[in-house]
Amino acid sequence: MSEFITIATFNFAHEIIVLKSILENEGVPYLFQNENLISIDPLASYAYGGIDLKVHPNDFEKVKEILDNLNTRLTIVD
């Protein structure tokens, strides 16, 4: 997982529920860093910089397209 890169950051755990389902259905390997910590203590999101969605560089464009198709305001990390 060390080669995984951050593509998006979320402030709260409820923001990633639908995205997790989409990524699993598409067969995209992913990691939500800090997910458990912020689920337990939502205010820790600000201290730890949120929940980072990490994906393999080979899946970056596919995940970027998935994020673009969601009806949210996300900043995509290039």
N, C-alpha and C. Protein backbone atom coordinates (compact mmCIF):
# COMPACT_ATOMS: atom_id res chain seq x y z
N MET A 1 0.82 -1.19 0.00
CA MET A 1 0.00 0.00 0.00
C MET A 1 0.86 1.26 0.00
N SER A 2 2.17 1.11 0.12
CA SER A 2 3.01 2.29 0.16
C SER A 2 3.01 3.04 -1.17
N GLU A 3 2.67 2.36 -2.26
CA GLU A 3 2.63 3.05 -3.55
C GLU A 3 1.29 3.72 -3.82
N PHE A 4 0.32 3.55 -2.93
CA PHE A 4 -0.97 4.20 -3.09
C PHE A 4 -0.82 5.71 -2.91
N ILE A 5 -1.62 6.48 -3.66
CA ILE A 5 -1.55 7.93 -3.59
C ILE A 5 -2.91 8.50 -3.19
N THR A 6 -2.90 9.66 -2.56
CA THR A 6 -4.13 10.32 -2.13
C THR A 6 -4.78 11.01 -3.31
N ILE A 7 -6.07 10.75 -3.51
CA ILE A 7 -6.81 11.39 -4.58
C ILE A 7 -7.87 12.36 -4.05
N ALA A 8 -8.36 12.15 -2.83
CA ALA A 8 -9.36 13.05 -2.26
C ALA A 8 -9.31 12.95 -0.75
N THR A 9 -9.80 13.99 -0.09
CA THR A 9 -9.87 14.03 1.37
C THR A 9 -11.27 14.41 1.80
N PHE A 10 -11.78 13.71 2.80
CA PHE A 10 -13.14 13.93 3.31
C PHE A 10 -13.05 14.33 4.78
N ASN A 11 -14.00 15.14 5.23
CA ASN A 11 -13.98 15.60 6.62
C ASN A 11 -14.64 14.63 7.59
N PHE A 12 -15.67 13.91 7.14
CA PHE A 12 -16.44 13.06 8.04
C PHE A 12 -16.68 11.69 7.43
N ALA A 13 -16.84 10.70 8.29
CA ALA A 13 -16.97 9.30 7.86
C ALA A 13 -18.23 9.07 7.01
N HIS A 14 -19.31 9.80 7.29
CA HIS A 14 -20.54 9.56 6.52
C HIS A 14 -20.39 9.97 5.06
N GLU A 15 -19.41 10.77 4.73
CA GLU A 15 -19.21 11.22 3.36
C GLU A 15 -18.66 10.14 2.44
N ILE A 16 -18.13 9.06 3.01
CA ILE A 16 -17.48 8.04 2.18
C ILE A 16 -18.31 6.78 1.99
N ILE A 17 -19.48 6.69 2.60
CA ILE A 17 -20.26 5.45 2.57
C ILE A 17 -20.63 5.04 1.15
N VAL A 18 -21.20 5.94 0.38
CA VAL A 18 -21.61 5.61 -0.99
C VAL A 18 -20.39 5.34 -1.86
N LEU A 19 -19.35 6.13 -1.68
CA LEU A 19 -18.14 5.96 -2.47
C LEU A 19 -17.50 4.59 -2.24
N LYS A 20 -17.49 4.12 -1.01
CA LYS A 20 -16.95 2.79 -0.73
C LYS A 20 -17.68 1.72 -1.53
N SER A 21 -19.00 1.82 -1.58
CA SER A 21 -19.80 0.85 -2.32
C SER A 21 -19.48 0.90 -3.81
N ILE A 22 -19.34 2.09 -4.35
CA ILE A 22 -19.03 2.24 -5.78
C ILE A 22 -17.66 1.65 -6.09
N LEU A 23 -16.68 1.97 -5.28
CA LEU A 23 -15.32 1.46 -5.51
C LEU A 23 -15.29 -0.06 -5.42
N GLU A 24 -16.00 -0.64 -4.46
CA GLU A 24 -16.04 -2.09 -4.33
C GLU A 24 -16.72 -2.72 -5.54
N ASN A 25 -17.82 -2.13 -6.00
CA ASN A 25 -18.52 -2.67 -7.18
C ASN A 25 -17.68 -2.56 -8.44
N GLU A 26 -16.84 -1.56 -8.53
CA GLU A 26 -15.95 -1.38 -9.69
C GLU A 26 -14.68 -2.21 -9.58
N GLY A 27 -14.46 -2.83 -8.42
CA GLY A 27 -13.27 -3.66 -8.22
C GLY A 27 -11.99 -2.85 -8.06
N VAL A 28 -12.10 -1.64 -7.57
CA VAL A 28 -10.94 -0.77 -7.39
C VAL A 28 -10.39 -0.95 -5.98
N PRO A 29 -9.12 -1.35 -5.84
CA PRO A 29 -8.53 -1.42 -4.51
C PRO A 29 -8.33 -0.01 -3.96
N TYR A 30 -8.66 0.19 -2.69
CA TYR A 30 -8.59 1.52 -2.09
C TYR A 30 -8.28 1.41 -0.61
N LEU A 31 -7.94 2.55 -0.03
CA LEU A 31 -7.70 2.65 1.40
C LEU A 31 -8.21 4.00 1.85
N PHE A 32 -9.03 4.02 2.89
CA PHE A 32 -9.44 5.27 3.53
C PHE A 32 -8.61 5.42 4.79
N GLN A 33 -7.57 6.25 4.73
CA GLN A 33 -6.69 6.46 5.86
C GLN A 33 -7.38 7.35 6.90
N ASN A 34 -7.31 6.97 8.15
CA ASN A 34 -7.92 7.66 9.31
C ASN A 34 -9.42 7.42 9.43
N GLU A 35 -9.99 6.51 8.67
CA GLU A 35 -11.44 6.27 8.69
C GLU A 35 -11.92 5.87 10.09
N ASN A 36 -11.29 4.90 10.70
CA ASN A 36 -11.74 4.42 12.01
C ASN A 36 -11.57 5.48 13.09
N LEU A 37 -10.46 6.16 13.08
CA LEU A 37 -10.19 7.20 14.06
C LEU A 37 -11.26 8.29 14.01
N ILE A 38 -11.59 8.74 12.82
CA ILE A 38 -12.56 9.83 12.67
C ILE A 38 -13.98 9.34 12.87
N SER A 39 -14.25 8.06 12.62
CA SER A 39 -15.57 7.50 12.93
C SER A 39 -15.83 7.53 14.42
N ILE A 40 -14.80 7.29 15.21
CA ILE A 40 -14.93 7.28 16.67
C ILE A 40 -15.00 8.70 17.22
N ASP A 41 -14.17 9.58 16.68
CA ASP A 41 -14.11 10.97 17.16
C ASP A 41 -14.14 11.93 15.97
N PRO A 42 -15.33 12.34 15.53
CA PRO A 42 -15.45 13.19 14.34
C PRO A 42 -14.66 14.50 14.42
N LEU A 43 -14.50 15.05 15.60
CA LEU A 43 -13.75 16.30 15.73
C LEU A 43 -12.25 16.10 15.47
N ALA A 44 -11.79 14.86 15.53
CA ALA A 44 -10.38 14.57 15.24
C ALA A 44 -10.07 14.78 13.76
N SER A 45 -11.10 14.88 12.94
CA SER A 45 -10.90 15.09 11.52
C SER A 45 -10.04 16.31 11.25
N TYR A 46 -10.27 17.36 11.99
CA TYR A 46 -9.51 18.59 11.79
C TYR A 46 -8.07 18.44 12.26
N ALA A 47 -7.86 17.68 13.30
CA ALA A 47 -6.51 17.48 13.82
C ALA A 47 -5.67 16.58 12.91
N TYR A 48 -6.31 15.60 12.28
CA TYR A 48 -5.58 14.64 11.45
C TYR A 48 -5.68 14.93 9.96
N GLY A 49 -6.36 15.98 9.60
CA GLY A 49 -6.44 16.35 8.19
C GLY A 49 -7.48 15.60 7.40
N GLY A 50 -8.44 14.98 8.06
CA GLY A 50 -9.54 14.30 7.38
C GLY A 50 -9.24 12.85 7.04
N ILE A 51 -10.13 12.30 6.24
CA ILE A 51 -10.02 10.91 5.79
C ILE A 51 -9.50 10.95 4.36
N ASP A 52 -8.32 10.39 4.14
CA ASP A 52 -7.71 10.39 2.81
C ASP A 52 -8.12 9.14 2.04
N LEU A 53 -8.61 9.35 0.82
CA LEU A 53 -8.86 8.23 -0.09
C LEU A 53 -7.58 7.99 -0.86
N LYS A 54 -7.02 6.80 -0.70
CA LYS A 54 -5.79 6.43 -1.38
C LYS A 54 -6.07 5.31 -2.37
N VAL A 55 -5.54 5.46 -3.57
CA VAL A 55 -5.70 4.45 -4.62
C VAL A 55 -4.37 4.22 -5.31
N HIS A 56 -4.28 3.11 -6.02
CA HIS A 56 -3.08 2.81 -6.79
C HIS A 56 -3.00 3.78 -7.97
N PRO A 57 -1.80 4.22 -8.33
CA PRO A 57 -1.66 5.16 -9.46
C PRO A 57 -2.31 4.66 -10.76
N ASN A 58 -2.34 3.34 -10.97
CA ASN A 58 -2.97 2.80 -12.18
C ASN A 58 -4.48 3.03 -12.20
N ASP A 59 -5.09 3.22 -11.04
CA ASP A 59 -6.54 3.43 -10.94
C ASP A 59 -6.92 4.89 -10.78
N PHE A 60 -5.93 5.79 -10.80
CA PHE A 60 -6.17 7.20 -10.52
C PHE A 60 -7.23 7.80 -11.44
N GLU A 61 -7.10 7.61 -12.74
CA GLU A 61 -8.04 8.21 -13.70
C GLU A 61 -9.45 7.64 -13.54
N LYS A 62 -9.54 6.33 -13.30
CA LYS A 62 -10.84 5.70 -13.12
C LYS A 62 -11.54 6.26 -11.88
N VAL A 63 -10.81 6.40 -10.78
CA VAL A 63 -11.39 6.92 -9.55
C VAL A 63 -11.71 8.41 -9.69
N LYS A 64 -10.87 9.13 -10.41
CA LYS A 64 -11.15 10.55 -10.65
C LYS A 64 -12.47 10.71 -11.40
N GLU A 65 -12.72 9.85 -12.37
CA GLU A 65 -13.98 9.89 -13.11
C GLU A 65 -15.17 9.55 -12.19
N ILE A 66 -15.00 8.58 -11.32
CA ILE A 66 -16.06 8.22 -10.36
C ILE A 66 -16.36 9.42 -9.46
N LEU A 67 -15.31 10.07 -8.95
CA LEU A 67 -15.50 11.22 -8.09
C LEU A 67 -16.16 12.38 -8.83
N ASP A 68 -15.77 12.57 -10.07
CA ASP A 68 -16.37 13.65 -10.88
C ASP A 68 -17.86 13.41 -11.11
N ASN A 69 -18.26 12.15 -11.16
CA ASN A 69 -19.66 11.81 -11.42
C ASN A 69 -20.53 11.89 -10.16
N LEU A 70 -19.91 11.95 -8.99
CA LEU A 70 -20.68 12.10 -7.75
C LEU A 70 -21.16 13.54 -7.63
N ASN A 71 -22.30 13.73 -7.03
CA ASN A 71 -22.85 15.07 -6.86
C ASN A 71 -22.32 15.68 -5.56
N THR A 72 -21.01 15.96 -5.54
CA THR A 72 -20.38 16.54 -4.37
C THR A 72 -19.38 17.59 -4.80
N ARG A 73 -18.93 18.36 -3.86
CA ARG A 73 -17.88 19.35 -4.11
C ARG A 73 -16.60 18.86 -3.47
N LEU A 74 -15.79 18.17 -4.25
CA LEU A 74 -14.52 17.64 -3.78
C LEU A 74 -13.39 18.32 -4.50
N THR A 75 -12.28 18.44 -3.84
CA THR A 75 -11.08 18.92 -4.49
C THR A 75 -10.24 17.70 -4.82
N ILE A 76 -10.01 17.48 -6.11
CA ILE A 76 -9.22 16.33 -6.54
C ILE A 76 -7.74 16.69 -6.40
N VAL A 77 -6.98 15.80 -5.77
CA VAL A 77 -5.55 16.01 -5.60
C VAL A 77 -4.85 15.47 -6.83
N ASP A 78 -4.08 16.29 -7.49
CA ASP A 78 -3.37 15.83 -8.70
C ASP A 78 -2.01 15.29 -8.36
